[in-house]
Amino acid sequence: MSIALCTVVLSAIAQNREQENSKVKIFELELGVGAGMGSARLGPYSPSPHPGLYVFIEPRLNIPASVFDVGIQLSIGRSSDNPRPSDPGYYYSAKYNSTVVTFVDYNLRKWRNISLFGGIGVGISAIDRIYPTYPEELGGRLERDASSLNTFVFNPRIGVEFWDHLRVTVEYKCMKREFSLFGITVGGVFGGGDKKKNE
């Protein structure tokens, strides 16, 4: 009995959200900035993560008569590691990343000027890393080296949208361990929102 009741309630909620979403413009574009913090250290002697910044653009398609939307996010950013506490002269490493992630979002609930959403994304990130070396042929002098790699990205997120045009999102970009990060973004949305009565 309880299972049947829950099924009926969830179906009613989904149907109501689908009716609301049928009144939403199909295409929208989000431009924003984010701040991220690395989620892991590789060991007690490794540098600790330092906050980084990134910018992004994300075109999205609101699927008609559905509670879902899909989008592709392109972002570029920079982050770094703090020096080792025991070695103030240790040069920190800097990471530059370019990331492409495809998202599917579920619109959880909408009030008059506020709507909640959650989603999952998958993609790939190209990372360039600059880090310190102490080559023996140079007498152990501090030098800088660089490396590049590509890593898979799994990107769950949840957020809130205000007035159909301002989104605040909390996310986790799960990549190769030393590059994973927690992030918060703020973006402006162009397009989207409810259709005008004459449309």
Protein backbone atom coordinates (compact mmCIF):
# COMPACT_ATOMS: atom_id res chain seq x y z
CA MET A 1 0.00 0.00 0.00
CA SER A 2 2.75 2.45 0.97
CA ILE A 3 4.72 1.61 -2.18
CA ALA A 4 1.66 2.28 -4.35
CA LEU A 5 1.03 5.59 -2.59
CA CYS A 6 4.64 6.69 -3.08
CA THR A 7 4.44 5.75 -6.76
CA VAL A 8 1.30 7.83 -7.24
CA VAL A 9 2.82 10.85 -5.44
CA LEU A 10 6.08 10.68 -7.40
CA SER A 11 4.18 10.32 -10.68
CA ALA A 12 2.07 13.37 -9.87
CA ILE A 13 5.16 15.41 -9.02
CA ALA A 14 6.92 14.35 -12.23
CA GLN A 15 3.85 15.14 -14.33
CA ASN A 16 3.54 18.58 -12.73
CA ARG A 17 7.21 19.33 -13.39
CA GLU A 18 6.85 18.19 -16.99
CA GLN A 19 3.92 20.55 -17.48
CA GLU A 20 5.96 23.41 -16.03
CA ASN A 21 8.95 22.55 -18.20
CA SER A 22 6.81 22.54 -21.35
CA LYS A 23 6.47 26.32 -20.84
CA VAL A 24 10.25 26.85 -20.72
CA LYS A 25 12.33 28.09 -23.66
CA ILE A 26 14.30 25.28 -25.25
CA PHE A 27 17.78 26.85 -25.51
CA GLU A 28 19.87 28.69 -22.92
CA LEU A 29 23.51 29.67 -22.45
CA GLU A 30 25.39 30.00 -19.16
CA LEU A 31 28.60 32.00 -18.66
CA GLY A 32 30.28 31.85 -15.28
CA VAL A 33 33.26 31.62 -12.97
CA GLY A 34 34.16 29.06 -10.33
CA ALA A 35 36.52 28.45 -7.45
CA GLY A 36 37.89 24.99 -6.72
CA MET A 37 39.89 23.26 -3.99
CA GLY A 38 41.86 20.05 -4.49
CA SER A 39 40.36 17.10 -2.63
CA ALA A 40 43.44 14.99 -1.86
CA ARG A 41 47.10 14.98 -0.90
CA LEU A 42 49.40 12.25 -2.12
CA GLY A 43 51.25 11.86 1.17
CA PRO A 44 52.52 13.65 4.31
CA TYR A 45 55.39 15.28 2.41
CA SER A 46 53.44 16.38 -0.61
CA PRO A 47 52.26 19.98 -1.12
CA SER A 48 48.77 20.76 0.11
CA PRO A 49 46.13 21.85 -2.43
CA HIS A 50 45.58 25.56 -2.95
CA PRO A 51 42.34 27.16 -4.26
CA GLY A 52 42.11 27.70 -8.00
CA LEU A 53 39.85 29.62 -10.35
CA TYR A 54 38.18 28.68 -13.62
CA VAL A 55 35.82 30.20 -16.17
CA PHE A 56 33.27 28.30 -18.23
CA ILE A 57 30.63 28.44 -20.93
CA GLU A 58 27.75 25.95 -21.08
CA PRO A 59 25.06 25.84 -23.78
CA ARG A 60 22.03 23.80 -22.66
CA LEU A 61 18.95 22.28 -24.24
CA ASN A 62 15.77 22.07 -22.15
CA ILE A 63 14.04 18.90 -23.36
CA PRO A 64 10.38 19.75 -24.16
CA ALA A 65 7.74 18.23 -21.84
CA SER A 66 10.48 16.79 -19.63
CA VAL A 67 12.15 17.51 -16.28
CA PHE A 68 15.59 17.02 -17.88
CA ASP A 69 18.03 19.25 -19.71
CA VAL A 70 21.37 18.46 -21.36
CA GLY A 71 24.40 20.65 -21.81
CA ILE A 72 28.06 20.74 -22.77
CA GLN A 73 30.40 22.70 -20.51
CA LEU A 74 33.77 23.99 -21.66
CA SER A 75 36.04 25.38 -18.93
CA ILE A 76 39.62 26.54 -18.46
CA GLY A 77 41.29 27.05 -15.12
CA ARG A 78 44.41 27.22 -13.00
CA SER A 79 45.26 25.82 -9.58
CA SER A 80 48.42 25.30 -7.56
CA ASP A 81 49.92 23.56 -4.54
CA ASN A 82 51.27 25.26 -1.43
CA PRO A 83 54.97 24.80 -0.64
CA ARG A 84 55.94 22.04 1.77
CA PRO A 85 55.63 23.31 5.36
CA SER A 86 59.16 22.06 6.15
CA ASP A 87 60.68 23.68 3.06
CA PRO A 88 59.52 27.27 2.43
CA GLY A 89 61.78 27.46 -0.62
CA TYR A 90 60.12 24.52 -2.33
CA TYR A 91 58.60 25.67 -5.59
CA TYR A 92 54.90 24.88 -5.83
CA SER A 93 53.40 23.14 -8.84
CA ALA A 94 50.85 24.87 -11.03
CA LYS A 95 48.13 23.07 -13.00
CA TYR A 96 46.39 24.46 -16.07
CA ASN A 97 43.36 22.51 -17.27
CA SER A 98 40.95 22.62 -20.18
CA THR A 99 37.85 20.51 -19.57
CA VAL A 100 34.86 19.41 -21.64
CA VAL A 101 31.95 17.78 -19.77
CA THR A 102 28.51 16.68 -21.01
CA PHE A 103 25.82 17.13 -18.35
CA VAL A 104 22.34 15.75 -17.81
CA ASP A 105 20.40 17.72 -15.17
CA TYR A 106 17.16 16.89 -13.39
CA ASN A 107 15.03 19.87 -12.35
CA LEU A 108 13.99 18.97 -8.82
CA ARG A 109 11.58 21.70 -7.81
CA LYS A 110 10.54 25.16 -8.93
CA TRP A 111 8.98 27.98 -6.97
CA ARG A 112 8.16 31.41 -8.34
CA ASN A 113 11.73 32.75 -8.53
CA ILE A 114 13.79 29.77 -7.37
CA SER A 115 14.39 26.35 -8.86
CA LEU A 116 16.54 23.46 -7.66
CA PHE A 117 18.45 21.10 -9.91
CA GLY A 118 20.93 18.24 -9.73
CA GLY A 119 22.92 16.53 -12.42
CA ILE A 120 25.73 14.25 -13.48
CA GLY A 121 28.36 14.88 -16.10
CA VAL A 122 31.13 12.92 -17.81
CA GLY A 123 33.96 14.23 -19.93
CA ILE A 124 37.67 14.70 -20.32
CA SER A 125 40.24 17.18 -19.04
CA ALA A 126 43.56 18.12 -20.63
CA ILE A 127 46.00 19.12 -17.89
CA ASP A 128 49.37 20.86 -18.17
CA ARG A 129 51.44 20.76 -14.99
CA ILE A 130 54.52 22.80 -14.09
CA TYR A 131 56.54 21.41 -11.21
CA PRO A 132 60.01 21.68 -9.57
CA THR A 133 62.98 19.45 -10.32
CA TYR A 134 66.53 19.33 -9.00
CA PRO A 135 68.59 17.86 -11.88
CA GLU A 136 71.94 16.42 -10.85
CA GLU A 137 73.65 17.67 -14.00
CA LEU A 138 72.92 21.22 -12.83
CA GLY A 139 74.26 20.62 -9.35
CA GLY A 140 70.84 20.04 -7.81
CA ARG A 141 69.75 23.58 -8.64
CA LEU A 142 66.01 24.22 -8.62
CA GLU A 143 64.54 24.09 -12.11
CA ARG A 144 61.06 23.92 -13.54
CA ASP A 145 59.70 21.13 -15.68
CA ALA A 146 56.32 20.47 -17.30
CA SER A 147 54.13 17.54 -18.23
CA SER A 148 50.79 17.05 -19.95
CA LEU A 149 48.11 14.41 -19.60
CA ASN A 150 44.44 13.70 -20.28
CA THR A 151 42.12 12.36 -17.59
CA PHE A 152 38.51 11.17 -17.46
CA VAL A 153 36.10 13.41 -15.51
CA PHE A 154 33.05 12.31 -13.50
CA ASN A 155 31.19 15.43 -12.40
CA PRO A 156 28.12 15.31 -10.10
CA ARG A 157 26.59 18.67 -9.18
CA ILE A 158 23.64 20.28 -7.43
CA GLY A 159 22.51 23.87 -7.43
CA VAL A 160 19.87 26.56 -7.34
CA GLU A 161 18.70 28.99 -10.02
CA PHE A 162 17.28 32.42 -9.17
CA TRP A 163 14.89 34.35 -11.43
CA ASP A 164 15.74 31.96 -14.32
CA HIS A 165 19.00 33.84 -14.90
CA LEU A 166 21.43 33.33 -11.98
CA ARG A 167 22.79 29.89 -11.06
CA VAL A 168 24.85 28.90 -8.02
CA THR A 169 26.24 25.38 -8.26
CA VAL A 170 28.26 23.10 -5.99
CA GLU A 171 30.14 20.33 -7.77
CA TYR A 172 32.82 17.68 -7.49
CA LYS A 173 35.13 16.98 -10.41
CA CYS A 174 36.41 13.45 -9.91
CA MET A 175 39.54 12.91 -11.98
CA LYS A 176 42.92 11.30 -11.43
CA ARG A 177 43.39 11.59 -7.66
CA GLU A 178 45.82 14.51 -7.54
CA PHE A 179 43.63 16.62 -9.85
CA SER A 180 40.15 16.02 -8.35
CA LEU A 181 38.48 19.05 -6.80
CA PHE A 182 35.43 20.43 -5.04
CA GLY A 183 34.08 23.57 -6.67
CA ILE A 184 31.44 26.27 -6.45
CA THR A 185 30.36 28.27 -9.49
CA VAL A 186 28.27 31.36 -10.17
CA GLY A 187 26.86 31.83 -13.64
CA GLY A 188 24.58 34.10 -15.60
CA VAL A 189 22.00 32.41 -17.84
CA PHE A 190 20.91 33.89 -21.16
CA GLY A 191 17.75 32.56 -22.75
CA GLY A 192 15.83 29.87 -20.90
CA GLY A 193 13.12 31.00 -18.50
CA ASP A 194 9.39 30.85 -19.16
CA LYS A 195 8.04 31.48 -22.63
CA LYS A 196 6.10 34.67 -23.20
CA LYS A 197 2.38 34.26 -23.64
CA ASN A 198 2.53 35.23 -27.30
CA GLU A 199 5.25 32.64 -28.10
